[in-house]
Amino acid sequence: MRVKAGEYPQFLWFWQASCLEIHQTQRLTGEQLFAYSSPMPNGLLEIEGEQELTKRKNSYIGEHYRAEWAVTLFHGDRLQLLEEIPDTAARLIVTSPPYNIGKKYEKRMGFDDYLSLQRATLTECARTLAANGSLCWQVGNHIGKDGEVFPLDIFIYGICKDLGLKLRNRIVWCFEHGLHCRKRLSGRYETILWFTKSDDYVFNLDSIRVPQKYPGKKYFKGEKAGQYSCNPLGKNPGDLWTIPNVKHNHVEKTIHPCQFPIELVERLVLALTNRGDLVVDPYIGAGSAACAAVLHNRRAAGADTAASYLNVAKERVKRALDGDLRRRPLGRPIYQPSPGDRIAQRPENFSRSSSIQPPLFATA
């Protein structure tokens, strides 16, 4: 996306293509080329010859679904919201449902009963999904009372196949922090099942390309010898996404115990929808999906039974519409401590405290 900003000296922000992170500058001049087609906050931009305000004029947040409203935050059951949405109205349905593991926002039930509720939700979602739309179901594991692991994506896949949906990708969301297990390996990933309703679906790959490892690489033989071999907009991000989860010191942390990082949903919104499209989250929680939608000029609708979570979602969406939402910038590199940092060094007494040296630390 090319953005001409020389005519707007008051505009203070731009996206840096090398790391896709917000930086500040005195003045924009000339043309800036961006790897993500992400809107910039607070300013009038000329984008491909068209002028538009990044702040939405129609910023009404309603409690019941209406197509002309920017955001619907429904207090109640997800099926009640979905009933208000017409057939084929949603371009993207993206959510992370309860895992039936006894979190404070859910009531633990028999696993078969849980899957029946998921089937009911997915059936209504399939009805509201546009013919060229996508459904993204982000899930982890259900843990039985005896500790047995049930990978939810396996069961969700079967339900969606019964509904006639087609799997396009099983995206692995990798994060590096979480609870430490003693009787099994600690879980550090969850999955996003991306389904479409047909073979003709919206997919804007250029909007989510990421920088290449070797952008200066060239063809060394053949007709293209000497030419750059990479796409100038970046590479396909692949189906393994390493994005930090929202823990206590995360800039997006709210009262919700299991919230989406906005960046995770942003990639899906940019890739699978166009401006003005409707994004639906049946389990909206703290509103991360709605924030990701309005940040990129999409409409949003979601439901939650907890008024406290909806209040948080409403405040976050308002901030997103106003351009002052605190969030982790899209594409920011994962923090890596310097080898010289004390916190990154292995204390010497750790090695002396045990007669058995872990083999993976042998050369550390």
Protein backbone atom coordinates (compact mmCIF):
# COMPACT_ATOMS: atom_id res chain seq x y z
CA MET A 1 0.00 0.00 0.00
CA ARG A 2 1.41 3.41 -0.95
CA VAL A 3 0.59 6.34 1.31
CA LYS A 4 1.34 9.88 0.20
CA ALA A 5 1.73 11.94 3.34
CA GLY A 6 3.88 14.92 2.36
CA GLU A 7 0.87 17.22 2.34
CA TYR A 8 0.06 16.54 5.99
CA PRO A 9 2.89 17.85 8.23
CA GLN A 10 0.70 17.42 11.33
CA PHE A 11 0.70 13.67 10.86
CA LEU A 12 3.24 12.19 13.27
CA TRP A 13 3.08 8.43 12.87
CA PHE A 14 4.07 5.89 10.26
CA TRP A 15 4.53 2.14 9.99
CA GLN A 16 8.14 1.03 9.54
CA ALA A 17 8.17 -1.75 6.97
CA SER A 18 11.27 -3.45 8.35
CA CYS A 19 9.67 -4.47 11.65
CA LEU A 20 6.05 -3.30 11.15
CA GLU A 21 6.14 -1.29 14.34
CA ILE A 22 4.94 2.22 15.16
CA HIS A 23 7.64 4.86 15.37
CA GLN A 24 7.52 8.65 15.72
CA THR A 25 9.02 11.22 13.37
CA GLN A 26 9.02 14.97 12.76
CA ARG A 27 7.35 14.97 9.36
CA LEU A 28 6.44 12.54 6.60
CA THR A 29 7.71 13.38 3.14
CA GLY A 30 7.48 11.62 -0.18
CA GLU A 31 6.01 8.14 -0.30
CA GLN A 32 6.27 5.40 2.32
CA LEU A 33 5.81 1.76 1.33
CA PHE A 34 4.20 -0.53 3.90
CA ALA A 35 4.18 -4.32 4.07
CA TYR A 36 0.83 -4.32 5.92
CA SER A 37 -2.20 -2.44 4.60
CA SER A 38 -2.90 -1.14 8.10
CA PRO A 39 -4.63 2.17 8.77
CA MET A 40 -2.78 4.90 10.63
CA PRO A 41 -4.40 6.65 13.59
CA ASN A 42 -5.33 10.33 13.72
CA GLY A 43 -4.96 11.90 10.32
CA LEU A 44 -6.31 12.45 6.82
CA LEU A 45 -4.52 10.17 4.38
CA GLU A 46 -4.43 9.94 0.63
CA ILE A 47 -4.51 6.21 -0.11
CA GLU A 48 -4.27 5.16 -3.76
CA GLY A 49 -5.82 8.49 -4.80
CA GLU A 50 -8.70 8.29 -2.32
CA GLN A 51 -9.08 10.36 0.83
CA GLU A 52 -10.54 8.91 3.98
CA LEU A 53 -10.53 9.60 7.67
CA THR A 54 -9.08 6.83 9.78
CA LYS A 55 -11.56 7.74 12.51
CA ARG A 56 -14.94 6.25 11.62
CA LYS A 57 -17.75 8.80 11.39
CA ASN A 58 -20.28 6.07 12.13
CA SER A 59 -18.96 4.88 15.48
CA TYR A 60 -22.19 3.84 17.15
CA ILE A 61 -21.94 0.85 19.49
CA GLY A 62 -25.31 -0.91 19.74
CA GLU A 63 -26.70 -3.64 21.96
CA HIS A 64 -28.65 -5.39 19.18
CA TYR A 65 -27.50 -6.08 15.66
CA ARG A 66 -28.13 -3.51 12.95
CA ALA A 67 -26.15 -3.58 9.71
CA GLU A 68 -25.51 0.18 9.71
CA TRP A 69 -23.87 0.22 13.15
CA ALA A 70 -20.12 -0.01 13.54
CA VAL A 71 -20.20 -2.43 16.48
CA THR A 72 -22.77 -4.62 18.21
CA LEU A 73 -22.00 -5.78 21.76
CA PHE A 74 -24.83 -8.09 22.79
CA HIS A 75 -25.36 -8.94 26.45
CA GLY A 76 -26.66 -12.48 26.39
CA ASP A 77 -26.28 -15.90 24.84
CA ARG A 78 -24.34 -16.18 21.60
CA LEU A 79 -27.24 -17.98 19.86
CA GLN A 80 -29.54 -15.04 20.58
CA LEU A 81 -27.11 -12.67 18.86
CA LEU A 82 -26.63 -15.00 15.90
CA GLU A 83 -30.40 -15.18 15.44
CA GLU A 84 -30.42 -11.41 14.89
CA ILE A 85 -27.82 -11.61 12.11
CA PRO A 86 -29.25 -12.33 8.63
CA ASP A 87 -28.16 -15.25 6.46
CA THR A 88 -24.77 -14.83 4.76
CA ALA A 89 -24.15 -11.43 6.41
CA ALA A 90 -20.74 -12.14 7.99
CA ARG A 91 -17.53 -12.18 5.97
CA LEU A 92 -15.52 -13.50 8.91
CA ILE A 93 -16.51 -15.36 12.06
CA VAL A 94 -13.58 -15.62 14.45
CA THR A 95 -13.67 -16.71 18.07
CA SER A 96 -12.13 -18.69 20.87
CA PRO A 97 -14.89 -20.61 22.65
CA PRO A 98 -14.72 -21.90 26.25
CA TYR A 99 -12.64 -25.08 26.53
CA ASN A 100 -14.85 -26.70 29.20
CA ILE A 101 -12.02 -26.73 31.76
CA GLY A 102 -13.79 -24.92 34.58
CA LYS A 103 -12.78 -21.29 34.05
CA LYS A 104 -14.83 -18.77 36.02
CA TYR A 105 -16.78 -17.72 32.91
CA GLU A 106 -17.97 -21.26 32.12
CA LYS A 107 -19.73 -24.17 33.79
CA ARG A 108 -17.97 -27.49 33.39
CA MET A 109 -20.15 -30.19 31.83
CA GLY A 110 -19.89 -33.61 30.23
CA PHE A 111 -17.69 -33.57 27.13
CA ASP A 112 -20.48 -34.80 24.84
CA ASP A 113 -22.77 -32.06 26.13
CA TYR A 114 -20.04 -29.52 25.49
CA LEU A 115 -19.62 -30.70 21.89
CA SER A 116 -23.40 -30.46 21.39
CA LEU A 117 -23.27 -26.79 22.39
CA GLN A 118 -20.38 -26.21 20.01
CA ARG A 119 -22.33 -27.87 17.21
CA ALA A 120 -25.32 -25.59 17.85
CA THR A 121 -23.07 -22.52 17.75
CA LEU A 122 -21.25 -23.62 14.60
CA THR A 123 -24.53 -24.43 12.85
CA GLU A 124 -25.77 -20.87 13.37
CA CYS A 125 -22.38 -19.49 12.37
CA ALA A 126 -22.47 -21.43 9.10
CA ARG A 127 -25.88 -19.92 8.36
CA THR A 128 -24.71 -16.35 8.90
CA LEU A 129 -21.43 -16.84 7.00
CA ALA A 130 -21.19 -15.31 3.52
CA ALA A 131 -20.65 -17.61 0.55
CA ASN A 132 -17.11 -16.22 0.15
CA GLY A 133 -16.54 -15.86 3.89
CA SER A 134 -14.32 -17.60 6.42
CA LEU A 135 -14.78 -19.16 9.84
CA CYS A 136 -11.79 -19.26 12.20
CA TRP A 137 -12.17 -21.32 15.39
CA GLN A 138 -9.27 -20.90 17.81
CA VAL A 139 -9.04 -23.70 20.36
CA GLY A 140 -6.65 -25.49 22.67
CA ASN A 141 -7.16 -28.64 24.72
CA HIS A 142 -9.89 -29.88 27.00
CA ILE A 143 -8.29 -31.56 30.03
CA GLY A 144 -10.24 -34.38 31.63
CA LYS A 145 -10.48 -34.72 35.40
CA ASP A 146 -7.94 -37.55 35.20
CA GLY A 147 -5.52 -35.36 33.23
CA GLU A 148 -6.27 -36.87 29.82
CA VAL A 149 -5.86 -34.37 26.96
CA PHE A 150 -8.60 -33.93 24.34
CA PRO A 151 -7.39 -31.78 21.38
CA LEU A 152 -10.50 -29.71 20.64
CA ASP A 153 -9.56 -28.99 17.03
CA ILE A 154 -9.97 -32.68 16.17
CA PHE A 155 -13.58 -32.64 17.36
CA ILE A 156 -14.36 -29.20 15.88
CA TYR A 157 -13.06 -30.35 12.50
CA GLY A 158 -15.59 -33.18 12.37
CA ILE A 159 -18.48 -30.85 13.22
CA CYS A 160 -17.48 -28.33 10.58
CA LYS A 161 -17.11 -31.04 7.93
CA ASP A 162 -20.66 -32.16 8.74
CA LEU A 163 -21.78 -28.57 8.07
CA GLY A 164 -20.15 -28.57 4.63
CA LEU A 165 -17.25 -26.27 5.52
CA LYS A 166 -13.81 -26.76 3.95
CA LEU A 167 -10.57 -26.54 5.93
CA ARG A 168 -7.99 -24.22 4.35
CA ASN A 169 -5.36 -24.10 7.08
CA ARG A 170 -4.68 -25.39 10.55
CA ILE A 171 -2.74 -22.44 11.92
CA VAL A 172 -0.53 -23.10 14.92
CA TRP A 173 -0.38 -20.17 17.33
CA CYS A 174 2.83 -20.52 19.33
CA PHE A 175 3.49 -18.62 22.54
CA GLU A 176 6.44 -18.98 24.90
CA HIS A 177 4.90 -18.47 28.32
CA GLY A 178 2.25 -20.20 30.42
CA LEU A 179 1.69 -22.72 33.19
CA HIS A 180 4.41 -25.29 33.84
CA CYS A 181 3.28 -28.92 33.88
CA ARG A 182 4.86 -31.67 35.97
CA LYS A 183 3.34 -34.82 34.46
CA ARG A 184 3.39 -33.83 30.79
CA LEU A 185 5.08 -31.30 28.53
CA SER A 186 3.93 -27.74 29.11
CA GLY A 187 1.49 -26.52 26.47
CA ARG A 188 2.89 -23.70 24.37
CA TYR A 189 0.61 -23.65 21.35
CA GLU A 190 -3.02 -23.62 20.32
CA THR A 191 -4.60 -23.90 16.89
CA ILE A 192 -6.82 -21.87 14.61
CA LEU A 193 -8.94 -23.89 12.21
CA TRP A 194 -9.64 -21.74 9.14
CA PHE A 195 -12.67 -22.95 7.19
CA THR A 196 -14.40 -21.50 4.14
CA LYS A 197 -17.91 -22.02 2.86
CA SER A 198 -16.90 -22.40 -0.78
CA ASP A 199 -13.87 -22.51 -3.08
CA ASP A 200 -14.33 -18.82 -3.92
CA TYR A 201 -13.31 -16.91 -0.80
CA VAL A 202 -11.67 -13.63 0.19
CA PHE A 203 -7.93 -14.01 0.78
CA ASN A 204 -5.72 -10.90 0.78
CA LEU A 205 -2.27 -12.42 1.13
CA ASP A 206 -0.44 -9.16 0.40
CA SER A 207 -2.06 -7.57 3.45
CA ILE A 208 -0.32 -9.95 5.87
CA ARG A 209 3.07 -10.55 4.26
CA VAL A 210 6.05 -10.38 6.60
CA PRO A 211 9.70 -9.41 5.96
CA GLN A 212 11.89 -12.08 4.40
CA LYS A 213 14.94 -13.50 6.13
CA TYR A 214 17.06 -12.77 3.02
CA PRO A 215 15.37 -9.89 1.14
CA GLY A 216 18.52 -9.27 -0.90
CA LYS A 217 18.72 -12.79 -2.31
CA LYS A 218 18.94 -13.02 -6.12
CA TYR A 219 18.50 -15.70 -8.76
CA PHE A 220 21.93 -17.07 -9.67
CA LYS A 221 21.07 -18.73 -12.99
CA GLY A 222 18.47 -18.88 -15.71
CA GLU A 223 16.53 -16.05 -17.35
CA LYS A 224 16.13 -14.21 -14.03
CA ALA A 225 19.79 -14.39 -13.01
CA GLY A 226 20.73 -11.27 -11.08
CA GLN A 227 17.15 -10.34 -10.26
CA TYR A 228 15.79 -10.36 -6.73
CA SER A 229 14.01 -13.64 -6.03
CA CYS A 230 11.71 -12.45 -3.25
CA ASN A 231 8.36 -10.69 -3.37
CA PRO A 232 9.00 -6.97 -2.68
CA LEU A 233 5.95 -6.86 -0.38
CA GLY A 234 7.29 -9.62 1.87
CA LYS A 235 6.79 -13.35 2.24
CA ASN A 236 3.80 -15.52 3.07
CA PRO A 237 3.67 -15.71 6.90
CA GLY A 238 3.05 -19.46 6.83
CA ASP A 239 0.87 -21.41 9.24
CA LEU A 240 3.08 -21.14 12.36
CA TRP A 241 2.46 -17.81 14.10
CA THR A 242 4.57 -16.86 17.11
CA ILE A 243 2.66 -14.14 18.95
CA PRO A 244 2.87 -13.47 22.71
CA ASN A 245 -0.19 -14.46 24.70
CA VAL A 246 -1.82 -11.93 27.01
CA LYS A 247 -0.30 -12.41 30.46
CA HIS A 248 -0.02 -10.14 33.49
CA ASN A 249 2.51 -7.66 32.11
CA HIS A 250 1.01 -7.53 28.59
CA VAL A 251 -0.06 -4.07 27.47
CA GLU A 252 -3.51 -5.40 26.51
CA LYS A 253 -4.23 -7.24 29.78
CA THR A 254 -7.76 -6.76 31.18
CA ILE A 255 -9.89 -8.54 33.81
CA HIS A 256 -10.62 -11.36 31.37
CA PRO A 257 -8.51 -14.46 32.21
CA CYS A 258 -8.19 -15.79 28.65
CA GLN A 259 -8.26 -12.98 26.10
CA PHE A 260 -7.09 -12.86 22.49
CA PRO A 261 -4.05 -10.78 21.62
CA ILE A 262 -5.38 -8.26 19.11
CA GLU A 263 -2.51 -8.97 16.73
CA LEU A 264 -3.65 -12.57 16.30
CA VAL A 265 -7.08 -11.47 15.09
CA GLU A 266 -5.70 -8.58 13.03
CA ARG A 267 -3.94 -10.98 10.68
CA LEU A 268 -7.19 -12.84 10.07
CA VAL A 269 -9.19 -9.64 9.61
CA LEU A 270 -6.71 -8.23 7.10
CA ALA A 271 -6.38 -11.49 5.15
CA LEU A 272 -9.99 -12.68 5.09
CA THR A 273 -12.11 -9.50 4.89
CA ASN A 274 -12.37 -6.20 3.05
CA ARG A 275 -13.22 -2.73 4.31
CA GLY A 276 -16.79 -2.47 5.57
CA ASP A 277 -17.21 -6.23 6.02
CA LEU A 278 -18.81 -7.73 9.12
CA VAL A 279 -16.66 -9.63 11.62
CA VAL A 280 -18.55 -11.74 14.19
CA ASP A 281 -17.25 -13.18 17.47
CA PRO A 282 -19.89 -15.30 19.24
CA TYR A 283 -17.81 -15.32 22.44
CA ILE A 284 -16.59 -11.70 22.41
CA GLY A 285 -15.11 -11.58 25.95
CA ALA A 286 -12.93 -8.48 26.34
CA GLY A 287 -13.57 -7.43 22.74
CA SER A 288 -10.22 -8.10 21.05
CA ALA A 289 -11.87 -9.30 17.84
CA ALA A 290 -14.06 -6.19 17.69
CA CYS A 291 -11.02 -3.97 18.27
CA ALA A 292 -9.13 -5.70 15.46
CA ALA A 293 -12.11 -5.17 13.17
CA VAL A 294 -12.67 -1.45 13.79
CA LEU A 295 -8.94 -0.70 13.68
CA HIS A 296 -9.10 -1.75 10.03
CA ASN A 297 -12.45 -0.21 9.11
CA ARG A 298 -14.58 -3.34 9.44
CA ARG A 299 -17.84 -3.72 11.35
CA ALA A 300 -18.06 -6.05 14.34
CA ALA A 301 -20.63 -7.96 16.36
CA GLY A 302 -20.19 -10.14 19.42
CA ALA A 303 -21.94 -11.53 22.48
CA ASP A 304 -21.08 -12.37 26.06
CA THR A 305 -23.14 -13.35 29.07
CA ALA A 306 -20.91 -11.41 31.50
CA ALA A 307 -21.72 -7.70 31.74
CA SER A 308 -18.32 -7.00 33.28
CA TYR A 309 -16.52 -8.31 30.20
CA LEU A 310 -18.82 -6.39 27.85
CA ASN A 311 -18.11 -3.17 29.72
CA VAL A 312 -14.39 -3.75 29.18
CA ALA A 313 -15.03 -4.58 25.52
CA LYS A 314 -17.06 -1.40 25.03
CA GLU A 315 -14.33 0.78 26.53
CA ARG A 316 -11.64 -0.87 24.40
CA VAL A 317 -13.70 -0.53 21.22
CA LYS A 318 -14.30 3.16 21.94
CA ARG A 319 -10.57 3.66 22.31
CA ALA A 320 -9.95 1.77 19.08
CA LEU A 321 -12.42 4.01 17.26
CA ASP A 322 -10.79 7.10 18.77
CA GLY A 323 -7.28 5.92 17.86
CA ASP A 324 -5.88 5.69 21.40
CA LEU A 325 -6.19 1.99 22.23
CA ARG A 326 -3.15 0.61 24.06
CA ARG A 327 -2.05 -2.53 22.25
CA ARG A 328 0.95 -4.46 21.03
CA PRO A 329 1.75 -3.16 17.51
CA LEU A 330 1.07 -5.51 14.65
CA GLY A 331 4.24 -7.34 13.64
CA ARG A 332 6.47 -6.24 16.52
CA PRO A 333 9.40 -8.69 16.84
CA ILE A 334 9.42 -11.01 19.86
CA TYR A 335 11.60 -9.63 22.63
CA GLN A 336 14.91 -11.44 23.04
CA PRO A 337 17.08 -10.60 26.08
CA SER A 338 20.72 -9.79 25.46
CA PRO A 339 23.18 -12.54 26.49
CA GLY A 340 24.76 -9.97 28.77
CA ASP A 341 21.57 -9.35 30.73
CA ARG A 342 21.83 -10.78 34.23
CA ILE A 343 18.34 -12.22 34.06
CA ALA A 344 19.32 -14.21 30.95
CA GLN A 345 22.41 -15.80 32.56
CA ARG A 346 22.28 -19.20 34.26
CA PRO A 347 23.35 -18.84 37.93
CA GLU A 348 26.46 -20.87 38.75
CA ASN A 349 24.91 -22.43 41.86
CA PHE A 350 22.25 -24.09 39.63
CA SER A 351 24.96 -26.36 38.20
CA ARG A 352 26.42 -27.13 41.63
CA SER A 353 23.07 -27.86 43.26
CA SER A 354 22.51 -31.12 41.39
CA SER A 355 24.72 -34.10 40.67
CA ILE A 356 22.86 -34.61 37.38
CA GLN A 357 23.52 -32.07 34.63
CA PRO A 358 20.62 -31.76 32.12
CA PRO A 359 22.05 -32.64 28.70
CA LEU A 360 20.49 -29.58 27.04
CA PHE A 361 22.51 -27.37 29.37
CA ALA A 362 25.80 -29.18 28.68
CA THR A 363 27.11 -26.44 26.41
CA ALA A 364 25.14 -23.52 27.87
